Protein backbone atom coordinates (compact mmCIF):
# COMPACT_ATOMS: atom_id res chain seq x y z
CA MET A 1 -9.80 11.66 11.28
CA ALA A 2 -7.80 11.40 8.36
CA LYS A 3 -8.40 8.48 5.79
CA VAL A 4 -6.23 7.52 3.64
CA LEU A 5 -6.32 5.43 0.37
CA ILE A 6 -3.56 2.90 -1.63
CA LEU A 7 -4.91 1.71 -4.80
CA THR A 8 -3.73 -0.40 -7.28
CA THR A 9 -4.48 -2.77 -9.73
CA GLU A 10 -3.86 -6.31 -8.00
CA ASN A 11 -3.86 -4.77 -4.22
CA ALA A 12 -1.22 -8.00 -3.53
CA ALA A 13 1.93 -6.81 -2.93
CA ARG A 14 3.25 -3.11 -2.74
CA SER A 15 0.04 -1.90 -1.91
CA GLN A 16 -0.62 -4.56 1.38
CA MET A 17 2.89 -3.26 2.34
CA LEU A 18 1.72 0.61 2.23
CA GLU A 19 -0.91 -0.37 3.98
CA GLY A 20 0.60 -1.87 6.67
CA TRP A 21 3.60 0.32 7.34
CA LEU A 22 1.33 3.43 7.21
CA ARG A 23 -1.13 1.62 9.87
CA TYR A 24 2.17 0.59 11.98
CA TYR A 25 3.49 4.48 12.15
CA THR A 26 0.08 6.31 12.13
CA ARG A 27 -1.05 3.26 15.07
CA ASN A 28 -4.78 3.51 14.09
CA ASN A 29 -4.89 7.18 14.82
CA VAL A 30 -5.63 7.05 10.68
CA VAL A 31 -8.35 5.22 8.79
CA ILE A 32 -5.60 3.71 6.29
CA ARG A 33 -7.43 1.36 3.54
CA SER A 34 -5.83 -0.18 -0.46
CA ALA A 35 -7.74 -1.34 -3.09
CA GLY A 36 -7.36 -2.86 -6.29
CA LEU A 37 -8.44 -2.16 -9.52
CA LYS A 38 -8.54 -6.37 -10.76
CA PRO A 39 -7.56 -7.54 -6.81
CA CYS A 40 -5.95 -11.18 -7.12
CA ASN A 41 -4.81 -13.65 -3.93
CA MET A 42 -2.40 -12.19 -1.53
CA ASP A 43 1.54 -12.24 -2.87
CA ALA A 44 2.87 -15.26 -0.13
CA PHE A 45 6.87 -13.54 -0.20
CA ALA A 46 5.14 -10.32 -0.52
CA VAL A 47 3.63 -11.25 3.34
CA LYS A 48 6.89 -13.45 4.84
CA ALA A 49 8.59 -10.29 3.56
CA MET A 50 6.72 -7.87 5.81
CA ILE A 51 6.18 -10.26 8.53
CA GLU A 52 10.17 -10.37 9.23
CA ALA A 53 10.54 -6.80 9.23
CA VAL A 54 7.98 -6.42 11.89
CA VAL A 55 4.87 -5.79 10.31
CA ASP A 56 2.68 -8.92 9.92
CA ILE A 57 -0.25 -8.49 6.56
CA ARG A 58 -1.00 -12.21 6.94
CA GLU A 59 -4.81 -11.19 7.67
CA ALA A 60 -5.00 -8.78 4.94
CA LYS A 61 -7.06 -8.97 1.80
CA SER A 62 -7.43 -8.40 -1.35
CA LYS A 63 -10.33 -6.15 -1.96
CA THR A 64 -11.50 -3.50 -4.65
CA LEU A 65 -13.29 -0.32 -4.23
CA GLY A 66 -16.77 -1.59 -4.04
CA ASP A 67 -15.55 -4.00 -0.60
CA LEU A 68 -14.42 -0.60 0.76
CA GLU A 69 -16.63 0.58 3.90
CA GLU A 70 -15.66 4.23 3.26
CA SER A 71 -17.31 6.44 0.17
CA HIS A 72 -14.89 9.30 0.73
CA PHE A 73 -10.72 9.36 1.08
CA ASP A 74 -8.99 12.98 2.08
CA GLN A 75 -5.34 11.48 0.37
CA ILE A 76 -5.33 9.16 -2.29
CA ILE A 77 -1.35 7.37 -2.57
CA THR A 78 -1.94 5.81 -6.69
CA LEU A 79 1.04 2.80 -7.39
CA THR A 80 0.14 3.16 -11.43
CA PRO A 81 -1.36 5.86 -13.29
CA LEU A 82 -3.97 4.35 -14.21
CA ALA A 83 -4.93 3.68 -10.47
CA THR A 84 -4.44 7.68 -10.51
CA SER A 85 -6.73 8.79 -13.33
CA GLU A 86 -9.02 6.17 -11.25
CA ALA A 87 -8.59 7.66 -8.04
CA MET A 88 -8.81 11.52 -9.29
CA SER A 89 -12.47 10.35 -11.43
CA LYS A 90 -14.04 8.69 -8.41
CA TYR A 91 -12.71 11.01 -5.28
CA PRO A 92 -11.88 14.28 -6.97
CA SER A 93 -12.00 16.17 -4.08
CA ALA A 94 -9.13 14.58 -2.29
CA THR A 95 -5.35 14.95 -2.90
CA VAL A 96 -3.79 12.64 -4.68
CA GLU A 97 -0.12 11.88 -4.73
CA GLU A 98 1.64 8.75 -7.12
CA ALA A 99 3.97 6.91 -5.41
CA ILE A 100 5.96 4.01 -8.15
CA PHE A 101 7.71 1.11 -6.61
CA ASP A 102 9.63 -1.57 -8.64
CA ASP A 103 7.08 -4.59 -9.04
CA PRO A 104 8.48 -7.17 -6.44
CA LYS A 105 6.56 -9.93 -8.25
CA GLN A 106 8.25 -9.33 -11.16
CA ALA A 107 10.89 -11.13 -9.58
CA THR A 108 12.38 -14.83 -11.40
CA GLY A 109 14.35 -17.24 -10.14
CA GLU A 110 15.01 -19.15 -6.57
CA GLU A 111 12.97 -18.62 -4.00
CA LYS A 112 15.86 -16.78 -1.81
CA GLU A 113 16.74 -14.30 -5.12
CA ARG A 114 12.74 -13.53 -5.29
CA LEU A 115 12.77 -12.19 -1.55
CA LYS A 116 15.97 -10.93 -1.38
CA ILE A 117 13.94 -8.48 -4.20
CA TYR A 118 10.87 -8.59 -2.18
CA ARG A 119 12.85 -7.65 0.91
CA ARG A 120 14.77 -4.14 -0.68
CA SER A 121 10.57 -3.28 -1.45
CA VAL A 122 9.62 -3.25 1.97
CA ASP A 123 12.75 -1.07 2.86
CA GLU A 124 11.58 0.97 0.18
CA ILE A 125 8.48 1.48 0.85
CA ASP A 126 8.80 1.54 4.91
CA ASP A 127 11.03 4.80 4.19
CA TYR A 128 8.25 6.13 1.68
CA ALA A 129 5.80 4.91 4.42
CA PHE A 130 7.68 6.96 7.49
CA ASN A 131 8.38 9.97 5.58
CA TYR A 132 4.47 10.76 4.01
CA ALA A 133 3.05 9.74 7.84
CA VAL A 134 5.42 12.61 8.68
CA ARG A 135 4.78 14.84 5.21
CA LYS A 136 1.42 14.58 4.45
CA LEU A 137 -0.43 13.33 8.23
CA GLY A 138 1.79 15.38 10.36
CA LEU A 139 2.48 12.86 12.81
CA GLU A 140 5.66 13.43 14.89
CA PHE A 141 8.16 10.59 16.06
């Protein structure tokens, strides 16, 4: 079974969204994990926007690499340049792909406006996850 790690800085929004979408598309036929270099609390807007999009990430927890049970990953998706260098040094045999998404946590304004930006991120990450599942994991839909 393939093992995929999503690595970022905080593991609170985009990485959790991507993990949620990849789990949704792979239906537990692939081990999907996410972690952060400096984890923090889950982002409530990310959770809400994902639930609206049919993927429930309420039980997700922000975690470090040390929190993961797996010591090897076949593929790593990084969301920041710092995470890319960390992934390449810690998992030299893994295939590393950098995926850059706008950070919805940078959104300002009223809740309604901020949520609109999170929904846009959810859609963008959904598209990426679907294409990744087909392109890199060989899944057919």
